[in-house]
Amino acid sequence: MYSIDIQSPEFMKYLERGEREAFQQLFETYHKALCFFAARIVRDHSEAEDIVQDVFLSFWKMDRGGFPNVKTIKTFLYNSVQHRCLNYLRDLEIRDRNYKNLNKEELDEDYFLCQQIRADVVAELLMRLMSYRIDARKSLSVHTWMAKRNGRLPKS
């Protein structure tokens, strides 16, 4: 791995071309500080690490040509980490609120199993209903058709 001044214009060219060594150097320069920054916001070191990793991954995948210097990259990284931390906290708050709104019954494993079975049954009924063909010439409603099928109405 080569060592080049991260503030130099050559470094920006290497980074823009997507050279792994330049990205690695950028990562090593800012990773710990960004993790500390994120951990101060989310108060969870593991989650902070994940957030920072996601930001670096997003940066790696994006077009890096719009960054004129390392200072703009640093600003972008810090802003991205801050926004992801705030999104994480918002999502966590929503999750907690939804969890608190659940009844004790809904937290039971059997309840979730029943809900899954109910969803499967409804899906199966809809699939079967869609598979039946209703004679368009007679323009029967679904209810009339079902009544005829069950023998409640005389067949025409």
Foldseek 3Di string as FASTA:
>chain_A
DDDDPQFDQVLLVCVQVLPPVSLVVLCVVCVVVQLVVLCVLQVDSVVSNVLLVVLSVVVSPDRSVVDNGVVVVVVSSNVSSVVVSVVVVVVVVVVVVVVVPDDPVCVDPVNVVVVVVVVVVVVVVVVVLVPDDDDVVVPDDPVRVVCVVVVNDDDD
